[in-house]
Amino acid sequence: MGKSKGARIVITLECECRTQENNIKQQRKKGIFRYTSTKNRRNTPARIELNKFCPNCNKHTNFKEIK
């Protein structure tokens, strides 16, 4: 039997540029860019927002946690 990893879960982070249609001319390519990460469910029950680089926007933007 394997051990449980506890309160850590895998989350997916998605760029805000997907919802912003007015930045089309600034984008390099069309599509959705996502990061995966982990978080501790007990310490951070709310959804996470991290500032990361988006190659579609070609700049640093906020990435929000999605389900």
PDB file of N, CA and C in Angstrom:
ATOM      1  N   MET A   1       0.825  -1.183   0.000  1.00  0.00           N
ATOM      2  CA  MET A   1       0.000   0.000   0.000  1.00  0.00           C
ATOM      3  C   MET A   1       0.874   1.254   0.000  1.00  0.00           C
ATOM      4  N   GLY A   2       0.523   2.208  -0.863  1.00  0.00           N
ATOM      5  CA  GLY A   2       1.251   3.468  -0.918  1.00  0.00           C
ATOM      6  C   GLY A   2       0.738   4.438   0.128  1.00  0.00           C
ATOM      7  N   LYS A   3       1.612   5.344   0.506  1.00  0.00           N
ATOM      8  CA  LYS A   3       1.230   6.348   1.484  1.00  0.00           C
ATOM      9  C   LYS A   3       0.480   7.491   0.806  1.00  0.00           C
ATOM     10  N   SER A   4      -0.401   8.107   1.554  1.00  0.00           N
ATOM     11  CA  SER A   4      -1.134   9.266   1.069  1.00  0.00           C
ATOM     12  C   SER A   4      -0.212  10.476   1.079  1.00  0.00           C
ATOM     13  N   LYS A   5      -0.376  11.369   0.127  1.00  0.00           N
ATOM     14  CA  LYS A   5       0.456  12.573   0.074  1.00  0.00           C
ATOM     15  C   LYS A   5      -0.045  13.643   1.030  1.00  0.00           C
ATOM     16  N   GLY A   6      -1.149  13.412   1.697  1.00  0.00           N
ATOM     17  CA  GLY A   6      -1.636  14.369   2.688  1.00  0.00           C
ATOM     18  C   GLY A   6      -2.472  15.467   2.068  1.00  0.00           C
ATOM     19  N   ALA A   7      -2.211  16.693   2.484  1.00  0.00           N
ATOM     20  CA  ALA A   7      -3.041  17.826   2.084  1.00  0.00           C
ATOM     21  C   ALA A   7      -2.592  18.470   0.780  1.00  0.00           C
ATOM     22  N   ARG A   8      -1.483  18.021   0.190  1.00  0.00           N
ATOM     23  CA  ARG A   8      -0.983  18.633  -1.043  1.00  0.00           C
ATOM     24  C   ARG A   8      -1.777  18.139  -2.253  1.00  0.00           C
ATOM     25  N   ILE A   9      -2.213  19.081  -3.074  1.00  0.00           N
ATOM     26  CA  ILE A   9      -2.960  18.735  -4.284  1.00  0.00           C
ATOM     27  C   ILE A   9      -2.317  19.424  -5.494  1.00  0.00           C
ATOM     28  N   VAL A  10      -2.531  18.864  -6.670  1.00  0.00           N
ATOM     29  CA  VAL A  10      -2.037  19.448  -7.913  1.00  0.00           C
ATOM     30  C   VAL A  10      -3.080  20.426  -8.428  1.00  0.00           C
ATOM     31  N   ILE A  11      -2.620  21.632  -8.798  1.00  0.00           N
ATOM     32  CA  ILE A  11      -3.521  22.660  -9.318  1.00  0.00           C
ATOM     33  C   ILE A  11      -3.062  23.077 -10.714  1.00  0.00           C
ATOM     34  N   THR A  12      -3.972  23.660 -11.479  1.00  0.00           N
ATOM     35  CA  THR A  12      -3.665  24.174 -12.808  1.00  0.00           C
ATOM     36  C   THR A  12      -3.838  25.682 -12.792  1.00  0.00           C
ATOM     37  N   LEU A  13      -2.842  26.392 -13.322  1.00  0.00           N
ATOM     38  CA  LEU A  13      -2.881  27.849 -13.392  1.00  0.00           C
ATOM     39  C   LEU A  13      -3.037  28.267 -14.849  1.00  0.00           C
ATOM     40  N   GLU A  14      -3.967  29.170 -15.120  1.00  0.00           N
ATOM     41  CA  GLU A  14      -4.241  29.614 -16.488  1.00  0.00           C
ATOM     42  C   GLU A  14      -4.088  31.122 -16.583  1.00  0.00           C
ATOM     43  N   CYS A  15      -3.562  31.591 -17.715  1.00  0.00           N
ATOM     44  CA  CYS A  15      -3.306  33.013 -17.932  1.00  0.00           C
ATOM     45  C   CYS A  15      -4.612  33.792 -18.075  1.00  0.00           C
ATOM     46  N   GLU A  16      -4.560  35.069 -17.689  1.00  0.00           N
ATOM     47  CA  GLU A  16      -5.719  35.947 -17.828  1.00  0.00           C
ATOM     48  C   GLU A  16      -5.964  36.340 -19.272  1.00  0.00           C
ATOM     49  N   CYS A  17      -4.984  36.193 -20.145  1.00  0.00           N
ATOM     50  CA  CYS A  17      -5.129  36.654 -21.526  1.00  0.00           C
ATOM     51  C   CYS A  17      -6.191  35.866 -22.283  1.00  0.00           C
ATOM     52  N   ARG A  18      -6.578  34.726 -21.779  1.00  0.00           N
ATOM     53  CA  ARG A  18      -7.632  33.954 -22.435  1.00  0.00           C
ATOM     54  C   ARG A  18      -8.961  34.698 -22.403  1.00  0.00           C
ATOM     55  N   THR A  19      -9.206  35.426 -21.315  1.00  0.00           N
ATOM     56  CA  THR A  19     -10.470  36.134 -21.168  1.00  0.00           C
ATOM     57  C   THR A  19     -10.425  37.538 -21.767  1.00  0.00           C
ATOM     58  N   GLN A  20      -9.241  38.063 -22.079  1.00  0.00           N
ATOM     59  CA  GLN A  20      -9.114  39.412 -22.619  1.00  0.00           C
ATOM     60  C   GLN A  20      -8.983  39.339 -24.131  1.00  0.00           C
ATOM     61  N   GLU A  21     -10.017  39.752 -24.839  1.00  0.00           N
ATOM     62  CA  GLU A  21     -10.028  39.687 -26.299  1.00  0.00           C
ATOM     63  C   GLU A  21      -9.367  40.902 -26.947  1.00  0.00           C
ATOM     64  N   ASN A  22      -9.139  41.977 -26.182  1.00  0.00           N
ATOM     65  CA  ASN A  22      -8.583  43.192 -26.776  1.00  0.00           C
ATOM     66  C   ASN A  22      -7.067  43.123 -26.950  1.00  0.00           C
ATOM     67  N   ASN A  23      -6.404  42.094 -26.477  1.00  0.00           N
ATOM     68  CA  ASN A  23      -4.949  41.961 -26.590  1.00  0.00           C
ATOM     69  C   ASN A  23      -4.542  41.060 -27.746  1.00  0.00           C
ATOM     70  N   ILE A  24      -5.393  40.878 -28.730  1.00  0.00           N
ATOM     71  CA  ILE A  24      -5.115  39.940 -29.813  1.00  0.00           C
ATOM     72  C   ILE A  24      -3.886  40.365 -30.615  1.00  0.00           C
ATOM     73  N   LYS A  25      -3.712  41.662 -30.890  1.00  0.00           N
ATOM     74  CA  LYS A  25      -2.580  42.075 -31.709  1.00  0.00           C
ATOM     75  C   LYS A  25      -1.252  41.977 -30.970  1.00  0.00           C
ATOM     76  N   GLN A  26      -1.261  41.912 -29.632  1.00  0.00           N
ATOM     77  CA  GLN A  26      -0.036  41.780 -28.854  1.00  0.00           C
ATOM     78  C   GLN A  26       0.404  40.326 -28.716  1.00  0.00           C
ATOM     79  N   GLN A  27      -0.498  39.385 -28.975  1.00  0.00           N
ATOM     80  CA  GLN A  27      -0.180  37.983 -28.761  1.00  0.00           C
ATOM     81  C   GLN A  27       0.729  37.452 -29.861  1.00  0.00           C
ATOM     82  N   ARG A  28       1.605  36.518 -29.492  1.00  0.00           N
ATOM     83  CA  ARG A  28       2.460  35.847 -30.455  1.00  0.00           C
ATOM     84  C   ARG A  28       1.683  34.810 -31.239  1.00  0.00           C
ATOM     85  N   LYS A  29       0.938  33.977 -30.520  1.00  0.00           N
ATOM     86  CA  LYS A  29       0.171  32.904 -31.142  1.00  0.00           C
ATOM     87  C   LYS A  29      -1.132  32.746 -30.390  1.00  0.00           C
ATOM     88  N   LYS A  30      -2.102  32.133 -31.015  1.00  0.00           N
ATOM     89  CA  LYS A  30      -3.376  31.907 -30.349  1.00  0.00           C
ATOM     90  C   LYS A  30      -3.301  30.604 -29.571  1.00  0.00           C
ATOM     91  N   GLY A  31      -4.029  30.544 -28.497  1.00  0.00           N
ATOM     92  CA  GLY A  31      -4.053  29.341 -27.689  1.00  0.00           C
ATOM     93  C   GLY A  31      -4.109  29.672 -26.215  1.00  0.00           C
ATOM     94  N   ILE A  32      -4.062  28.635 -25.412  1.00  0.00           N
ATOM     95  CA  ILE A  32      -4.133  28.766 -23.966  1.00  0.00           C
ATOM     96  C   ILE A  32      -2.839  28.229 -23.386  1.00  0.00           C
ATOM     97  N   PHE A  33      -2.239  28.966 -22.465  1.00  0.00           N
ATOM     98  CA  PHE A  33      -1.027  28.499 -21.822  1.00  0.00           C
ATOM     99  C   PHE A  33      -1.332  28.250 -20.356  1.00  0.00           C
ATOM    100  N   ARG A  34      -0.938  27.088 -19.857  1.00  0.00           N
ATOM    101  CA  ARG A  34      -1.211  26.706 -18.467  1.00  0.00           C
ATOM    102  C   ARG A  34       0.039  26.180 -17.793  1.00  0.00           C
ATOM    103  N   TYR A  35       0.146  26.467 -16.492  1.00  0.00           N
ATOM    104  CA  TYR A  35       1.174  25.896 -15.633  1.00  0.00           C
ATOM    105  C   TYR A  35       0.497  24.927 -14.672  1.00  0.00           C
ATOM    106  N   THR A  36       1.243  23.948 -14.188  1.00  0.00           N
ATOM    107  CA  THR A  36       0.760  23.094 -13.102  1.00  0.00           C
ATOM    108  C   THR A  36       1.671  23.296 -11.908  1.00  0.00           C
ATOM    109  N   SER A  37       1.090  23.220 -10.732  1.00  0.00           N
ATOM    110  CA  SER A  37       1.826  23.408  -9.498  1.00  0.00           C
ATOM    111  C   SER A  37       1.115  22.631  -8.396  1.00  0.00           C
ATOM    112  N   THR A  38       1.646  22.703  -7.197  1.00  0.00           N
ATOM    113  CA  THR A  38       0.988  22.070  -6.056  1.00  0.00           C
ATOM    114  C   THR A  38       0.765  23.118  -4.974  1.00  0.00           C
ATOM    115  N   LYS A  39      -0.218  22.853  -4.139  1.00  0.00           N
ATOM    116  CA  LYS A  39      -0.465  23.724  -2.993  1.00  0.00           C
ATOM    117  C   LYS A  39      -0.970  22.876  -1.839  1.00  0.00           C
ATOM    118  N   ASN A  40      -0.813  23.402  -0.641  1.00  0.00           N
ATOM    119  CA  ASN A  40      -1.304  22.744   0.556  1.00  0.00           C
ATOM    120  C   ASN A  40      -2.734  23.203   0.789  1.00  0.00           C
ATOM    121  N   ARG A  41      -3.651  22.272   0.755  1.00  0.00           N
ATOM    122  CA  ARG A  41      -5.075  22.587   0.879  1.00  0.00           C
ATOM    123  C   ARG A  41      -5.404  23.190   2.239  1.00  0.00           C
ATOM    124  N   ARG A  42      -4.712  22.778   3.284  1.00  0.00           N
ATOM    125  CA  ARG A  42      -5.006  23.289   4.643  1.00  0.00           C
ATOM    126  C   ARG A  42      -4.531  24.729   4.822  1.00  0.00           C
ATOM    127  N   ASN A  43      -3.337  25.049   4.299  1.00  0.00           N
ATOM    128  CA  ASN A  43      -2.788  26.397   4.474  1.00  0.00           C
ATOM    129  C   ASN A  43      -3.406  27.413   3.523  1.00  0.00           C
ATOM    130  N   THR A  44      -3.782  26.984   2.323  1.00  0.00           N
ATOM    131  CA  THR A  44      -4.322  27.893   1.312  1.00  0.00           C
ATOM    132  C   THR A  44      -5.619  27.335   0.739  1.00  0.00           C
ATOM    133  N   PRO A  45      -6.726  27.490   1.426  1.00  0.00           N
ATOM    134  CA  PRO A  45      -7.983  26.943   0.910  1.00  0.00           C
ATOM    135  C   PRO A  45      -8.550  27.755  -0.262  1.00  0.00           C
ATOM    136  N   ALA A  46      -8.193  29.044  -0.357  1.00  0.00           N
ATOM    137  CA  ALA A  46      -8.703  29.886  -1.450  1.00  0.00           C
ATOM    138  C   ALA A  46      -7.903  29.638  -2.726  1.00  0.00           C
ATOM    139  N   ARG A  47      -8.420  30.129  -3.840  1.00  0.00           N
ATOM    140  CA  ARG A  47      -7.720  29.959  -5.112  1.00  0.00           C
ATOM    141  C   ARG A  47      -6.495  30.862  -5.171  1.00  0.00           C
ATOM    142  N   ILE A  48      -5.455  30.356  -5.815  1.00  0.00           N
ATOM    143  CA  ILE A  48      -4.158  31.039  -5.865  1.00  0.00           C
ATOM    144  C   ILE A  48      -4.058  31.884  -7.134  1.00  0.00           C
ATOM    145  N   GLU A  49      -3.363  33.020  -7.026  1.00  0.00           N
ATOM    146  CA  GLU A  49      -2.978  33.833  -8.177  1.00  0.00           C
ATOM    147  C   GLU A  49      -1.479  34.055  -8.103  1.00  0.00           C
ATOM    148  N   LEU A  50      -0.760  33.700  -9.180  1.00  0.00           N
ATOM    149  CA  LEU A  50       0.685  33.875  -9.230  1.00  0.00           C
ATOM    150  C   LEU A  50       1.054  34.683 -10.466  1.00  0.00           C
ATOM    151  N   ASN A  51       2.124  35.478 -10.354  1.00  0.00           N
ATOM    152  CA  ASN A  51       2.619  36.255 -11.475  1.00  0.00           C
ATOM    153  C   ASN A  51       3.676  35.431 -12.198  1.00  0.00           C
ATOM    154  N   LYS A  52       3.379  34.991 -13.428  1.00  0.00           N
ATOM    155  CA  LYS A  52       4.287  34.149 -14.203  1.00  0.00           C
ATOM    156  C   LYS A  52       4.366  34.665 -15.633  1.00  0.00           C
ATOM    157  N   PHE A  53       5.345  34.144 -16.396  1.00  0.00           N
ATOM    158  CA  PHE A  53       5.522  34.560 -17.786  1.00  0.00           C
ATOM    159  C   PHE A  53       4.595  33.779 -18.702  1.00  0.00           C
ATOM    160  N   CYS A  54       3.899  34.484 -19.579  1.00  0.00           N
ATOM    161  CA  CYS A  54       3.023  33.866 -20.566  1.00  0.00           C
ATOM    162  C   CYS A  54       3.649  34.058 -21.947  1.00  0.00           C
ATOM    163  N   PRO A  55       4.029  32.972 -22.629  1.00  0.00           N
ATOM    164  CA  PRO A  55       4.615  33.128 -23.955  1.00  0.00           C
ATOM    165  C   PRO A  55       3.612  33.599 -25.007  1.00  0.00           C
ATOM    166  N   ASN A  56       2.318  33.425 -24.769  1.00  0.00           N
ATOM    167  CA  ASN A  56       1.308  33.928 -25.702  1.00  0.00           C
ATOM    168  C   ASN A  56       1.221  35.450 -25.641  1.00  0.00           C
ATOM    169  N   CYS A  57       1.253  36.012 -24.433  1.00  0.00           N
ATOM    170  CA  CYS A  57       1.202  37.461 -24.252  1.00  0.00           C
ATOM    171  C   CYS A  57       2.576  38.102 -24.418  1.00  0.00           C
ATOM    172  N   ASN A  58       3.610  37.305 -24.244  1.00  0.00           N
ATOM    173  CA  ASN A  58       5.002  37.745 -24.288  1.00  0.00           C
ATOM    174  C   ASN A  58       5.313  38.726 -23.154  1.00  0.00           C
ATOM    175  N   LYS A  59       4.709  38.496 -21.982  1.00  0.00           N
ATOM    176  CA  LYS A  59       4.969  39.322 -20.808  1.00  0.00           C
ATOM    177  C   LYS A  59       4.542  38.561 -19.550  1.00  0.00           C
ATOM    178  N   HIS A  60       4.879  39.114 -18.393  1.00  0.00           N
ATOM    179  CA  HIS A  60       4.468  38.529 -17.129  1.00  0.00           C
ATOM    180  C   HIS A  60       3.029  38.966 -16.831  1.00  0.00           C
ATOM    181  N   THR A  61       2.170  37.996 -16.516  1.00  0.00           N
ATOM    182  CA  THR A  61       0.777  38.284 -16.198  1.00  0.00           C
ATOM    183  C   THR A  61       0.348  37.420 -15.009  1.00  0.00           C
ATOM    184  N   ASN A  62      -0.823  37.723 -14.482  1.00  0.00           N
ATOM    185  CA  ASN A  62      -1.369  36.918 -13.384  1.00  0.00           C
ATOM    186  C   ASN A  62      -1.950  35.630 -13.923  1.00  0.00           C
ATOM    187  N   PHE A  63      -1.607  34.542 -13.282  1.00  0.00           N
ATOM    188  CA  PHE A  63      -2.176  33.243 -13.596  1.00  0.00           C
ATOM    189  C   PHE A  63      -3.087  32.847 -12.456  1.00  0.00           C
ATOM    190  N   LYS A  64      -4.335  32.494 -12.776  1.00  0.00           N
ATOM    191  CA  LYS A  64      -5.307  32.138 -11.748  1.00  0.00           C
ATOM    192  C   LYS A  64      -5.541  30.644 -11.742  1.00  0.00           C
ATOM    193  N   GLU A  65      -5.813  30.131 -10.576  1.00  0.00           N
ATOM    194  CA  GLU A  65      -6.098  28.702 -10.415  1.00  0.00           C
ATOM    195  C   GLU A  65      -7.466  28.371 -11.022  1.00  0.00           C
ATOM    196  N   ILE A  66      -7.505  27.286 -11.783  1.00  0.00           N
ATOM    197  CA  ILE A  66      -8.772  26.822 -12.349  1.00  0.00           C
ATOM    198  C   ILE A  66      -9.032  25.409 -11.854  1.00  0.00           C
ATOM    199  N   LYS A  67     -10.247  24.938 -12.017  1.00  0.00           N
ATOM    200  CA  LYS A  67     -10.576  23.568 -11.620  1.00  0.00           C
ATOM    201  C   LYS A  67     -10.348  22.627 -12.754  1.00  0.00           C
TER     202      LYS A  67
END
